[in-house]
C-alpha atoms as a PDB file:
ATOM      1  CA  MET A   1       0.000   0.000   0.000  1.00  0.00           C
ATOM      2  CA  SER A   2       1.345   3.386  -0.903  1.00  0.00           C
ATOM      3  CA  LEU A   3       0.316   6.521   0.916  1.00  0.00           C
ATOM      4  CA  SER A   4       0.023   9.501  -1.372  1.00  0.00           C
ATOM      5  CA  ILE A   5      -0.500  12.731   0.545  1.00  0.00           C
ATOM      6  CA  HIS A   6      -2.062  15.641  -1.335  1.00  0.00           C
ATOM      7  CA  THR A   7      -3.983  17.370   1.457  1.00  0.00           C
ATOM      8  CA  ILE A   8      -2.965  17.794   5.092  1.00  0.00           C
ATOM      9  CA  LEU A   9      -5.557  18.873   7.657  1.00  0.00           C
ATOM     10  CA  VAL A  10      -4.347  20.858  10.662  1.00  0.00           C
ATOM     11  CA  PRO A  11      -6.933  21.482  13.397  1.00  0.00           C
ATOM     12  CA  ILE A  12      -5.972  24.463  15.556  1.00  0.00           C
ATOM     13  CA  ASP A  13      -7.165  25.764  18.900  1.00  0.00           C
ATOM     14  CA  PHE A  14      -4.974  28.913  18.885  1.00  0.00           C
ATOM     15  CA  SER A  15      -2.543  27.348  21.343  1.00  0.00           C
ATOM     16  CA  GLU A  16       1.221  27.345  20.891  1.00  0.00           C
ATOM     17  CA  ALA A  17       1.062  23.570  20.359  1.00  0.00           C
ATOM     18  CA  SER A  18      -1.374  23.862  17.456  1.00  0.00           C
ATOM     19  CA  GLU A  19       0.645  26.647  15.828  1.00  0.00           C
ATOM     20  CA  GLN A  20       3.790  24.521  16.081  1.00  0.00           C
ATOM     21  CA  ALA A  21       1.857  21.677  14.438  1.00  0.00           C
ATOM     22  CA  LEU A  22       0.814  24.048  11.655  1.00  0.00           C
ATOM     23  CA  ALA A  23       4.425  25.093  11.079  1.00  0.00           C
ATOM     24  CA  GLY A  24       5.460  21.427  10.949  1.00  0.00           C
ATOM     25  CA  ALA A  25       2.633  20.561   8.552  1.00  0.00           C
ATOM     26  CA  ILE A  26       3.667  23.385   6.225  1.00  0.00           C
ATOM     27  CA  ASP A  27       7.264  22.118   6.175  1.00  0.00           C
ATOM     28  CA  LEU A  28       6.015  18.597   5.428  1.00  0.00           C
ATOM     29  CA  ALA A  29       3.607  19.850   2.749  1.00  0.00           C
ATOM     30  CA  LYS A  30       6.454  21.633   0.949  1.00  0.00           C
ATOM     31  CA  SER A  31       8.416  18.419   0.607  1.00  0.00           C
ATOM     32  CA  LEU A  32       5.318  16.486  -0.525  1.00  0.00           C
ATOM     33  CA  HIS A  33       3.943  19.250  -2.802  1.00  0.00           C
ATOM     34  CA  ALA A  34       0.716  19.011  -0.785  1.00  0.00           C
ATOM     35  CA  THR A  35      -1.801  21.602   0.341  1.00  0.00           C
ATOM     36  CA  VAL A  36      -2.561  22.435   3.969  1.00  0.00           C
ATOM     37  CA  HIS A  37      -6.039  23.103   5.266  1.00  0.00           C
ATOM     38  CA  VAL A  38      -6.450  24.738   8.684  1.00  0.00           C
ATOM     39  CA  LEU A  39      -9.586  23.944  10.683  1.00  0.00           C
ATOM     40  CA  HIS A  40     -10.841  25.595  13.842  1.00  0.00           C
ATOM     41  CA  VAL A  41     -13.809  24.101  15.666  1.00  0.00           C
ATOM     42  CA  TYR A  42     -15.613  26.138  18.283  1.00  0.00           C
ATOM     43  CA  GLN A  43     -18.525  25.290  20.497  1.00  0.00           C
ATOM     44  CA  VAL A  44     -21.195  27.616  21.846  1.00  0.00           C
ATOM     45  CA  PRO A  45     -21.354  26.960  25.575  1.00  0.00           C
ATOM     46  CA  LEU A  46     -24.247  25.095  27.127  1.00  0.00           C
ATOM     47  CA  TYR A  47     -24.327  24.981  30.904  1.00  0.00           C
ATOM     48  CA  GLY A  48     -26.440  22.397  32.674  1.00  0.00           C
ATOM     49  CA  PHE A  49     -27.920  22.962  36.112  1.00  0.00           C
ATOM     50  CA  PRO A  50     -30.126  20.725  38.268  1.00  0.00           C
ATOM     51  CA  ASP A  51     -33.206  22.808  37.412  1.00  0.00           C
ATOM     52  CA  GLY A  52     -32.470  23.453  33.721  1.00  0.00           C
ATOM     53  CA  ALA A  53     -29.806  24.643  31.339  1.00  0.00           C
ATOM     54  CA  PHE A  54     -28.315  27.878  30.056  1.00  0.00           C
ATOM     55  CA  LEU A  55     -27.699  28.253  26.344  1.00  0.00           C
ATOM     56  CA  ALA A  56     -25.904  31.311  25.039  1.00  0.00           C
ATOM     57  CA  THR A  57     -28.148  33.888  23.393  1.00  0.00           C
ATOM     58  CA  PRO A  58     -27.960  34.257  19.600  1.00  0.00           C
ATOM     59  CA  GLU A  59     -25.991  37.491  20.129  1.00  0.00           C
ATOM     60  CA  VAL A  60     -23.416  35.747  22.327  1.00  0.00           C
ATOM     61  CA  ALA A  61     -23.222  32.814  19.901  1.00  0.00           C
ATOM     62  CA  SER A  62     -22.662  35.243  17.028  1.00  0.00           C
ATOM     63  CA  ARG A  63     -19.879  37.027  18.915  1.00  0.00           C
ATOM     64  CA  ILE A  64     -18.191  33.694  19.671  1.00  0.00           C
ATOM     65  CA  GLY A  65     -18.356  32.741  15.986  1.00  0.00           C
ATOM     66  CA  ASP A  66     -17.066  36.161  14.888  1.00  0.00           C
ATOM     67  CA  ALA A  67     -14.129  35.941  17.307  1.00  0.00           C
ATOM     68  CA  ALA A  68     -13.342  32.411  16.111  1.00  0.00           C
ATOM     69  CA  ILE A  69     -13.236  33.395  12.419  1.00  0.00           C
ATOM     70  CA  ALA A  70     -11.149  36.482  13.212  1.00  0.00           C
ATOM     71  CA  GLY A  71      -8.668  34.345  15.153  1.00  0.00           C
ATOM     72  CA  LEU A  72      -8.534  31.758  12.370  1.00  0.00           C
ATOM     73  CA  ARG A  73      -7.909  34.402   9.703  1.00  0.00           C
ATOM     74  CA  GLU A  74      -5.175  35.990  11.834  1.00  0.00           C
ATOM     75  CA  VAL A  75      -3.331  32.683  12.250  1.00  0.00           C
ATOM     76  CA  VAL A  76      -3.640  31.844   8.556  1.00  0.00           C
ATOM     77  CA  SER A  77      -2.365  35.296   7.553  1.00  0.00           C
ATOM     78  CA  ARG A  78       0.764  34.782   9.690  1.00  0.00           C
ATOM     79  CA  PHE A  79       1.492  31.455   7.983  1.00  0.00           C
ATOM     80  CA  GLU A  80       0.726  32.467   4.381  1.00  0.00           C
ATOM     81  CA  GLY A  81       3.547  32.944   1.922  1.00  0.00           C
ATOM     82  CA  ARG A  82       5.526  29.910   3.054  1.00  0.00           C
ATOM     83  CA  GLY A  83       5.378  28.096  -0.261  1.00  0.00           C
ATOM     84  CA  VAL A  84       2.208  26.014   0.133  1.00  0.00           C
ATOM     85  CA  VAL A  85      -1.452  26.513  -0.657  1.00  0.00           C
ATOM     86  CA  LEU A  86      -3.177  27.224   2.642  1.00  0.00           C
ATOM     87  CA  GLY A  87      -6.957  26.959   3.035  1.00  0.00           C
ATOM     88  CA  HIS A  88      -9.044  27.447   6.150  1.00  0.00           C
ATOM     89  CA  THR A  89     -12.448  26.509   7.525  1.00  0.00           C
ATOM     90  CA  LEU A  90     -14.421  27.275  10.662  1.00  0.00           C
ATOM     91  CA  ARG A  91     -16.906  24.768  12.073  1.00  0.00           C
ATOM     92  CA  GLU A  92     -19.145  24.721  15.116  1.00  0.00           C
ATOM     93  CA  GLY A  93     -19.640  21.555  17.138  1.00  0.00           C
ATOM     94  CA  ASP A  94     -17.779  18.822  18.959  1.00  0.00           C
ATOM     95  CA  ALA A  95     -14.100  19.166  18.021  1.00  0.00           C
ATOM     96  CA  GLN A  96     -13.321  15.466  17.694  1.00  0.00           C
ATOM     97  CA  GLU A  97     -16.378  14.737  15.549  1.00  0.00           C
ATOM     98  CA  GLU A  98     -15.912  17.805  13.346  1.00  0.00           C
ATOM     99  CA  ILE A  99     -12.209  17.100  12.745  1.00  0.00           C
ATOM    100  CA  ILE A 100     -12.872  13.529  11.639  1.00  0.00           C
ATOM    101  CA  SER A 101     -15.894  14.532   9.547  1.00  0.00           C
ATOM    102  CA  PHE A 102     -14.036  17.367   7.847  1.00  0.00           C
ATOM    103  CA  ALA A 103     -10.976  15.183   7.142  1.00  0.00           C
ATOM    104  CA  ASP A 104     -13.295  12.823   5.282  1.00  0.00           C
ATOM    105  CA  ALA A 105     -15.057  15.641   3.413  1.00  0.00           C
ATOM    106  CA  LEU A 106     -11.855  17.311   2.144  1.00  0.00           C
ATOM    107  CA  PRO A 107     -10.590  14.518   1.672  1.00  0.00           C
ATOM    108  CA  ALA A 108      -7.378  14.725   3.710  1.00  0.00           C
ATOM    109  CA  GLN A 109      -4.795  11.979   3.594  1.00  0.00           C
ATOM    110  CA  LEU A 110      -3.107  13.121   6.825  1.00  0.00           C
ATOM    111  CA  ILE A 111      -4.085  15.041   9.959  1.00  0.00           C
ATOM    112  CA  VAL A 112      -1.356  16.917  11.828  1.00  0.00           C
ATOM    113  CA  MET A 113      -2.199  17.937  15.390  1.00  0.00           C
ATOM    114  CA  GLY A 114      -0.370  19.527  18.263  1.00  0.00           C
ATOM    115  CA  THR A 115      -0.336  17.978  21.680  1.00  0.00           C
ATOM    116  CA  HIS A 116       0.272  19.851  24.900  1.00  0.00           C
ATOM    117  CA  GLY A 117       2.012  17.010  26.693  1.00  0.00           C
ATOM    118  CA  ARG A 118       0.057  17.506  29.911  1.00  0.00           C
ATOM    119  CA  GLY A 119       0.816  15.220  32.803  1.00  0.00           C
ATOM    120  CA  VAL A 120      -1.385  12.322  33.883  1.00  0.00           C
ATOM    121  CA  ILE A 121      -3.563  14.457  36.162  1.00  0.00           C
ATOM    122  CA  GLY A 122      -4.042  17.211  33.568  1.00  0.00           C
ATOM    123  CA  HIS A 123      -4.919  14.612  30.963  1.00  0.00           C
ATOM    124  CA  ALA A 124      -7.403  12.882  33.270  1.00  0.00           C
ATOM    125  CA  LEU A 125      -9.120  16.179  34.048  1.00  0.00           C
ATOM    126  CA  MET A 126      -9.079  17.734  30.585  1.00  0.00           C
ATOM    127  CA  GLY A 127      -8.912  14.725  28.265  1.00  0.00           C
ATOM    128  CA  SER A 128      -7.293  14.996  24.909  1.00  0.00           C
ATOM    129  CA  ILE A 129      -9.009  15.823  21.645  1.00  0.00           C
ATOM    130  CA  THR A 130      -5.823  14.787  19.868  1.00  0.00           C
ATOM    131  CA  GLU A 131      -5.883  11.371  21.522  1.00  0.00           C
ATOM    132  CA  ARG A 132      -9.534  10.824  20.589  1.00  0.00           C
ATOM    133  CA  VAL A 133      -8.871  11.829  16.977  1.00  0.00           C
ATOM    134  CA  VAL A 134      -5.883   9.457  16.823  1.00  0.00           C
ATOM    135  CA  ARG A 135      -8.099   6.601  18.034  1.00  0.00           C
ATOM    136  CA  LYS A 136     -11.025   7.270  15.686  1.00  0.00           C
ATOM    137  CA  SER A 137      -9.523   8.785  12.540  1.00  0.00           C
ATOM    138  CA  PRO A 138      -9.698   6.723   9.356  1.00  0.00           C
ATOM    139  CA  VAL A 139      -6.575   8.554   8.088  1.00  0.00           C
ATOM    140  CA  PRO A 140      -3.118   8.724   9.690  1.00  0.00           C
ATOM    141  CA  VAL A 141      -2.609  11.335  12.404  1.00  0.00           C
ATOM    142  CA  LEU A 142       0.806  12.856  13.047  1.00  0.00           C
ATOM    143  CA  THR A 143       1.120  14.437  16.481  1.00  0.00           C
ATOM    144  CA  ILE A 144       3.639  17.148  17.232  1.00  0.00           C
ATOM    145  CA  ARG A 145       4.387  17.698  20.878  1.00  0.00           C
ATOM    146  CA  GLU A 146       4.596  21.322  21.951  1.00  0.00           C
ATOM    147  CA  ALA A 147       8.198  22.497  22.199  1.00  0.00           C
ATOM    148  CA  LYS A 148       8.489  24.751  25.215  1.00  0.00           C
ATOM    149  CA  THR A 149       9.783  28.179  24.226  1.00  0.00           C
ATOM    150  CA  LYS A 150      11.320  30.604  26.656  1.00  0.00           C
END
């Protein structure tokens, strides 16, 4: 089986780890003559309480979406001009599900994701979207551990 990579998907969460993954994906894409597609998934908060739930108002949801697209465009603009075609998409929903769904829709042959390298306790409390994508993705996932910068 030969793996031909034409499109690399890079989900970002605006963290240093995801930006380092994007930089790595761009370097890889150059050598493969592939394109890179940046995806940011956001979720409108829903808070559950014993007597009901709180869902953000349409105005709040709109502001969250506007901030997400502005952040995505800002990141993409900083990484443009590095010798690869760079696309971007914003989606709302569960990050793990949206990443896997979008990888299939592109179609991407590789997903490159950053990982924060949290300790056992941090991982147990926060979980890992990257880990869940690695487990469920039908395409290979390359993880890039965050390099600590001073």
